[in-house]
Amino acid sequence: MTTAGTQVHDTHTCHTCRPTPETRTVTQRLDLQRIELSVAGLSCAGDAAPVAARLERLPGVREAMVNPVTERAVVAFDPGVIGIEAIVQLLEERGIDVGRTVARWRLRVPGLKCASCVRRVEQAVLHVPGIYDANMNLATEMLTIEYTPKRTDLAAVRAAVRAEGFDLGPEPLRRAEAAAPSPGEANAREFRSLMHKFWFAAVVSVPTIALSYPWIFGMRDLLPRGSAILRLVWGGLGLLTLPVLLYSGGHFYKGLWAAFKHRTADMNTLIGIGIAAAWLYSTVAVLVPSLFPRGDLAEVFYDVTAVVTALVVLGQALEVKAK
């Protein structure tokens, strides 16, 4: 027979409860999911081994691990080929009671950035039929749910998570981690991407700060306040900082839109509206200065757009690095 893995620690009372090489060998694909079921009615190792073998013969099942001591079963399966219902049906046909028990399922949900996102995902998953509890860990990006196998399906959980603007990521088993990208590798790629965005925004910030306030940096005579040439330079800053909004801050607006669709707000909403407001105000001040009480003396805040974006993206990169 095989033993429970990942969710259930390997607990054995004798040498007969150790996994065999046949049941531990698995060819894993990145889209496999793993469920943990509570199985009652197994009296010994002789009962568990045939159950594991039958499960592994099901289309779409890549590995099945059953432990009669802890009364837990872990099944790795392809949700595109087989659903939970077929797995539960086979167990019940073998006289194993899983209908009235609560099972545990761990799924990876990458891309969450704040506590508000965590609450949204948890609340959405809790509305899926058969879900009793949902606990999202922001640091590990793992969602742990407790559910009734007969009433809960991966498609419903995935749909609930997608409705909040996220998606379920792959969760490979231990033996597949060497060949499959791990969460650490995914975080490394995200860190590199965020650092590229940070350096772009940081480089743009330097001339933007200097030219937004030339009188502070010894350019009072070259670019006097209220002059046409200063207004022209500020217009150039508007064009220079626009890529910062679109590239370095683009992910803020994806999160903002996802939150807006659900009539809620999060950090992306705050940052996205803030940097966009600074850019739009500055652009109006350059193009139509007469709308402001001080006329040609109206100042711009393109530096806020560039600097705030750079600092927030840097903070996100450091957060990913800490993971």
Protein backbone atom coordinates (compact mmCIF):
# COMPACT_ATOMS: atom_id res chain seq x y z
CA MET A 1 0.00 0.00 0.00
CA THR A 2 1.02 3.61 -0.14
CA THR A 3 1.07 6.29 2.46
CA ALA A 4 -0.44 9.71 2.60
CA GLY A 5 1.78 12.55 1.47
CA THR A 6 2.12 16.30 1.68
CA GLN A 7 -1.09 17.04 3.59
CA VAL A 8 -0.73 14.07 5.93
CA HIS A 9 2.60 13.27 7.54
CA ASP A 10 3.83 9.75 6.97
CA THR A 11 2.77 7.92 10.12
CA HIS A 12 3.38 4.16 10.32
CA THR A 13 3.14 1.62 13.07
CA CYS A 14 4.91 -1.20 11.26
CA HIS A 15 7.06 -1.93 8.24
CA THR A 16 4.08 -3.24 6.27
CA CYS A 17 2.66 0.29 6.00
CA ARG A 18 5.50 1.61 3.87
CA PRO A 19 4.94 2.65 0.25
CA THR A 20 5.96 0.31 -2.52
CA PRO A 21 8.04 1.55 -5.46
CA GLU A 22 5.19 0.79 -7.83
CA THR A 23 2.73 3.10 -6.10
CA ARG A 24 5.32 5.85 -5.46
CA THR A 25 6.35 6.12 -9.12
CA VAL A 26 4.42 8.86 -10.90
CA THR A 27 4.70 10.79 -14.15
CA GLN A 28 3.37 14.19 -13.13
CA ARG A 29 2.06 16.97 -15.29
CA LEU A 30 1.95 20.60 -14.23
CA ASP A 31 -1.87 20.74 -14.28
CA LEU A 32 -2.35 17.87 -11.83
CA GLN A 33 -4.25 18.58 -8.65
CA ARG A 34 -4.06 16.75 -5.34
CA ILE A 35 -6.92 16.06 -2.95
CA GLU A 36 -6.84 14.62 0.53
CA LEU A 37 -9.79 12.45 1.56
CA SER A 38 -10.84 10.97 4.86
CA VAL A 39 -11.45 7.26 4.28
CA ALA A 40 -13.23 5.15 6.87
CA GLY A 41 -13.64 1.39 6.70
CA LEU A 42 -10.07 0.25 6.02
CA SER A 43 -9.03 -2.34 8.59
CA CYS A 44 -5.48 -3.18 7.46
CA ALA A 45 -2.81 -2.80 4.82
CA GLY A 46 -4.39 -5.60 2.82
CA ASP A 47 -7.47 -3.42 2.33
CA ALA A 48 -5.55 -0.28 1.37
CA ALA A 49 -3.28 -1.71 -1.33
CA PRO A 50 -6.09 -2.83 -3.72
CA VAL A 51 -7.86 0.51 -3.25
CA ALA A 52 -4.74 2.46 -4.19
CA ALA A 53 -4.19 0.20 -7.20
CA ARG A 54 -7.78 0.62 -8.39
CA LEU A 55 -7.55 4.40 -8.04
CA GLU A 56 -4.35 4.55 -10.07
CA ARG A 57 -6.05 2.63 -12.88
CA LEU A 58 -8.68 5.35 -13.27
CA PRO A 59 -8.18 7.58 -16.34
CA GLY A 60 -6.55 10.81 -15.27
CA VAL A 61 -5.27 9.54 -11.89
CA ARG A 62 -1.49 9.67 -11.70
CA GLU A 63 -0.89 8.61 -8.11
CA ALA A 64 -2.92 7.34 -5.17
CA MET A 65 -1.63 7.02 -1.63
CA VAL A 66 -3.74 5.41 1.09
CA ASN A 67 -2.93 5.06 4.79
CA PRO A 68 -5.25 2.88 6.88
CA VAL A 69 -3.58 4.02 10.11
CA THR A 70 -4.47 7.70 9.66
CA GLU A 71 -7.52 6.87 7.51
CA ARG A 72 -6.41 9.36 4.86
CA ALA A 73 -6.02 9.05 1.10
CA VAL A 74 -4.20 11.45 -1.22
CA VAL A 75 -4.96 11.30 -4.93
CA ALA A 76 -3.10 13.20 -7.67
CA PHE A 77 -5.29 13.58 -10.76
CA ASP A 78 -5.79 15.57 -13.92
CA PRO A 79 -8.99 17.63 -13.47
CA GLY A 80 -9.36 17.85 -17.23
CA VAL A 81 -9.76 14.06 -17.44
CA ILE A 82 -11.49 13.01 -14.23
CA GLY A 83 -13.53 14.72 -11.52
CA ILE A 84 -13.77 14.21 -7.78
CA GLU A 85 -17.11 12.45 -8.19
CA ALA A 86 -15.54 9.48 -10.03
CA ILE A 87 -12.86 9.11 -7.37
CA VAL A 88 -15.41 9.20 -4.56
CA GLN A 89 -17.65 6.73 -6.42
CA LEU A 90 -14.87 4.17 -6.73
CA LEU A 91 -14.04 4.45 -3.02
CA GLU A 92 -17.67 3.97 -2.07
CA GLU A 93 -17.93 0.96 -4.35
CA ARG A 94 -15.11 -0.56 -2.28
CA GLY A 95 -17.14 -0.02 0.88
CA ILE A 96 -15.23 3.07 2.03
CA ASP A 97 -17.28 5.88 3.54
CA VAL A 98 -16.31 9.32 2.20
CA GLY A 99 -19.75 10.86 1.81
CA ARG A 100 -20.19 12.14 5.34
CA THR A 101 -16.56 13.12 5.96
CA VAL A 102 -14.79 16.42 5.45
CA ALA A 103 -11.69 16.31 3.25
CA ARG A 104 -8.89 18.83 2.88
CA TRP A 105 -7.58 20.25 -0.38
CA ARG A 106 -4.54 22.51 -0.88
CA LEU A 107 -4.37 24.65 -4.01
CA ARG A 108 -1.92 27.33 -5.11
CA VAL A 109 -3.34 30.77 -5.96
CA PRO A 110 -0.49 32.97 -7.26
CA GLY A 111 -0.66 36.71 -7.76
CA LEU A 112 -2.21 37.85 -4.47
CA LYS A 113 -0.65 41.07 -3.17
CA CYS A 114 -2.58 42.20 -0.09
CA ALA A 115 -4.92 41.14 2.72
CA SER A 116 -7.91 42.47 0.80
CA CYS A 117 -7.20 40.03 -2.04
CA VAL A 118 -6.95 37.19 0.48
CA ARG A 119 -10.33 38.01 1.98
CA ARG A 120 -11.95 38.24 -1.45
CA VAL A 121 -10.65 34.82 -2.48
CA GLU A 122 -11.63 33.21 0.82
CA GLN A 123 -15.14 34.64 0.73
CA ALA A 124 -15.64 33.62 -2.91
CA VAL A 125 -14.52 30.03 -2.26
CA LEU A 126 -16.71 29.76 0.84
CA HIS A 127 -19.76 30.31 -1.39
CA VAL A 128 -18.95 27.17 -3.41
CA PRO A 129 -21.33 24.34 -2.45
CA GLY A 130 -19.76 21.85 -0.05
CA ILE A 131 -16.96 24.17 1.18
CA TYR A 132 -16.81 24.37 4.98
CA ASP A 133 -13.65 26.39 5.44
CA ALA A 134 -11.18 28.33 3.26
CA ASN A 135 -7.85 29.62 4.51
CA MET A 136 -5.53 31.56 2.18
CA ASN A 137 -1.86 32.00 3.13
CA LEU A 138 -0.51 35.12 1.44
CA ALA A 139 3.14 34.24 2.05
CA THR A 140 3.01 30.73 0.57
CA GLU A 141 0.19 31.50 -1.91
CA MET A 142 -1.56 28.31 -0.79
CA LEU A 143 -5.32 28.02 -0.35
CA THR A 144 -6.46 25.29 2.06
CA ILE A 145 -10.11 24.29 1.86
CA GLU A 146 -12.18 21.81 3.82
CA TYR A 147 -15.05 20.38 1.84
CA THR A 148 -17.48 17.52 1.25
CA PRO A 149 -16.15 15.44 -1.67
CA LYS A 150 -19.61 14.62 -2.98
CA ARG A 151 -20.62 18.26 -3.32
CA THR A 152 -17.43 20.06 -4.33
CA ASP A 153 -15.74 20.13 -7.73
CA LEU A 154 -12.49 21.75 -8.84
CA ALA A 155 -14.26 23.56 -11.68
CA ALA A 156 -16.51 25.37 -9.21
CA VAL A 157 -13.54 26.35 -7.02
CA ARG A 158 -11.56 27.54 -10.04
CA ALA A 159 -14.53 29.57 -11.30
CA ALA A 160 -14.90 31.26 -7.91
CA VAL A 161 -11.20 32.17 -7.80
CA ARG A 162 -11.22 33.39 -11.41
CA ALA A 163 -14.22 35.58 -10.67
CA GLU A 164 -11.99 37.49 -8.26
CA GLY A 165 -9.34 38.07 -10.93
CA PHE A 166 -6.97 35.21 -9.99
CA ASP A 167 -6.49 31.59 -11.00
CA LEU A 168 -5.37 28.29 -9.58
CA GLY A 169 -1.73 27.49 -10.19
CA PRO A 170 -0.07 24.06 -10.46
CA GLU A 171 0.87 22.23 -7.28
CA PRO A 172 3.26 19.44 -8.30
CA LEU A 173 4.02 16.52 -6.02
CA ARG A 174 7.44 16.11 -4.47
CA ARG A 175 8.71 13.75 -7.16
CA ALA A 176 7.74 16.23 -9.90
CA GLU A 177 9.33 19.26 -8.32
CA ALA A 178 12.72 18.56 -9.90
CA ALA A 179 11.27 18.73 -13.41
CA ALA A 180 8.48 21.26 -12.82
CA PRO A 181 8.82 24.97 -12.04
CA SER A 182 8.50 25.40 -8.29
CA PRO A 183 6.77 28.30 -6.55
CA GLY A 184 10.25 29.60 -5.72
CA GLU A 185 11.17 29.73 -9.40
CA ALA A 186 7.91 31.50 -10.19
CA ASN A 187 8.67 34.04 -7.47
CA ALA A 188 12.16 34.52 -8.92
CA ARG A 189 10.70 35.32 -12.33
CA GLU A 190 8.20 37.72 -10.79
CA PHE A 191 11.01 39.39 -8.81
CA ARG A 192 13.04 39.95 -11.97
CA SER A 193 10.01 41.38 -13.77
CA LEU A 194 9.23 43.77 -10.92
CA MET A 195 12.85 44.88 -10.69
CA HIS A 196 12.87 45.69 -14.42
CA LYS A 197 9.77 47.82 -13.89
CA PHE A 198 11.34 49.49 -10.87
CA TRP A 199 14.56 50.44 -12.65
CA PHE A 200 12.63 51.83 -15.59
CA ALA A 201 10.49 54.00 -13.31
CA ALA A 202 13.53 55.00 -11.23
CA VAL A 203 15.52 56.12 -14.27
CA VAL A 204 12.58 58.18 -15.52
CA SER A 205 12.13 59.68 -12.03
CA VAL A 206 15.55 61.39 -11.99
CA PRO A 207 15.03 63.87 -14.88
CA THR A 208 11.34 64.18 -14.00
CA ILE A 209 12.11 65.45 -10.50
CA ALA A 210 14.80 67.84 -11.71
CA LEU A 211 12.71 69.34 -14.53
CA SER A 212 9.50 69.51 -12.50
CA TYR A 213 11.18 71.93 -10.07
CA PRO A 214 14.05 73.55 -12.04
CA TRP A 215 14.24 76.53 -9.64
CA ILE A 216 15.25 74.13 -6.85
CA PHE A 217 18.04 72.57 -8.91
CA GLY A 218 19.71 75.81 -10.06
CA MET A 219 17.88 76.17 -13.39
CA ARG A 220 15.76 79.21 -12.46
CA ASP A 221 17.20 81.36 -15.24
CA LEU A 222 17.20 78.60 -17.84
CA LEU A 223 13.61 77.53 -17.17
CA PRO A 224 11.83 80.43 -15.45
CA ARG A 225 8.45 79.79 -13.87
CA GLY A 226 5.50 80.59 -16.10
CA SER A 227 7.60 80.59 -19.27
CA ALA A 228 6.54 78.93 -22.50
CA ILE A 229 9.70 76.86 -22.64
CA LEU A 230 9.08 75.45 -19.18
CA ARG A 231 5.55 74.56 -20.23
CA LEU A 232 7.01 72.79 -23.27
CA VAL A 233 9.48 70.86 -21.08
CA TRP A 234 6.66 69.81 -18.78
CA GLY A 235 4.73 68.53 -21.78
CA GLY A 236 7.74 66.37 -22.59
CA LEU A 237 7.67 65.04 -19.03
CA GLY A 238 4.07 63.99 -19.58
CA LEU A 239 5.14 61.89 -22.56
CA LEU A 240 8.16 60.57 -20.66
CA THR A 241 6.12 59.37 -17.66
CA LEU A 242 3.30 57.85 -19.70
CA PRO A 243 5.26 54.58 -20.25
CA VAL A 244 5.74 54.43 -16.48
CA LEU A 245 1.97 54.28 -16.09
CA LEU A 246 1.55 51.69 -18.82
CA TYR A 247 4.57 49.47 -18.13
CA SER A 248 5.79 49.87 -14.56
CA GLY A 249 2.30 50.47 -13.19
CA GLY A 250 0.29 48.37 -15.61
CA HIS A 251 -0.34 45.57 -13.11
CA PHE A 252 -1.97 48.08 -10.74
CA TYR A 253 -4.73 48.67 -13.26
CA LYS A 254 -5.30 44.97 -13.85
CA GLY A 255 -5.88 44.57 -10.11
CA LEU A 256 -7.97 47.76 -10.01
CA TRP A 257 -10.27 46.47 -12.75
CA ALA A 258 -10.66 43.07 -11.08
CA ALA A 259 -11.62 44.78 -7.81
CA PHE A 260 -13.95 47.22 -9.56
CA LYS A 261 -15.88 44.39 -11.19
CA HIS A 262 -16.67 43.09 -7.71
CA ARG A 263 -17.48 46.52 -6.29
CA THR A 264 -14.56 46.48 -3.93
CA ALA A 265 -11.18 48.18 -3.58
CA ASP A 266 -7.67 47.15 -2.62
CA MET A 267 -4.11 48.45 -2.75
CA ASN A 268 -4.17 48.40 -6.55
CA THR A 269 -7.13 50.77 -6.48
CA LEU A 270 -5.31 53.21 -4.20
CA ILE A 271 -2.05 53.24 -6.16
CA GLY A 272 -3.64 53.15 -9.61
CA ILE A 273 -5.99 56.07 -8.95
CA GLY A 274 -3.26 58.06 -7.19
CA ILE A 275 -0.62 57.93 -9.92
CA ALA A 276 -3.22 58.38 -12.68
CA ALA A 277 -4.70 61.43 -10.92
CA ALA A 278 -1.24 63.02 -10.62
CA TRP A 279 -0.55 62.44 -14.32
CA LEU A 280 -3.96 63.68 -15.50
CA TYR A 281 -3.86 66.78 -13.30
CA SER A 282 -0.40 67.64 -14.59
CA THR A 283 -1.43 67.13 -18.21
CA VAL A 284 -4.43 69.43 -17.82
CA ALA A 285 -2.19 72.02 -16.11
CA VAL A 286 0.17 71.93 -19.10
CA LEU A 287 -2.48 71.97 -21.84
CA VAL A 288 -5.08 74.28 -20.27
CA PRO A 289 -3.36 76.35 -17.57
CA SER A 290 -6.15 78.95 -17.67
CA LEU A 291 -8.39 76.53 -15.75
CA PHE A 292 -6.30 77.08 -12.63
CA PRO A 293 -6.35 80.20 -10.43
CA ARG A 294 -2.62 80.83 -10.87
CA GLY A 295 -2.73 80.41 -14.64
CA ASP A 296 0.72 79.86 -16.12
CA LEU A 297 2.15 79.35 -12.62
CA ALA A 298 0.19 76.09 -12.17
CA GLU A 299 2.67 73.34 -11.31
CA VAL A 300 2.85 69.74 -12.47
CA PHE A 301 3.23 66.53 -10.47
CA TYR A 302 4.64 64.09 -13.00
CA ASP A 303 7.33 63.32 -10.44
CA VAL A 304 4.66 61.86 -8.16
CA THR A 305 3.60 59.46 -10.90
CA ALA A 306 7.15 58.22 -11.51
CA VAL A 307 8.47 58.18 -7.94
CA VAL A 308 5.41 56.61 -6.28
CA THR A 309 5.27 53.91 -8.96
CA ALA A 310 8.96 53.16 -8.54
CA LEU A 311 8.79 52.93 -4.74
CA VAL A 312 5.66 50.76 -4.64
CA VAL A 313 7.01 48.38 -7.30
CA LEU A 314 10.28 48.14 -5.37
CA GLY A 315 8.33 47.25 -2.22
CA GLN A 316 6.46 44.54 -4.12
CA ALA A 317 9.74 43.16 -5.47
CA LEU A 318 11.23 42.98 -1.99
CA GLU A 319 8.10 41.24 -0.75
CA VAL A 320 8.40 38.62 -3.49
CA LYS A 321 12.10 38.24 -2.71
CA ALA A 322 11.28 37.59 0.95
CA LYS A 323 9.03 34.71 -0.09
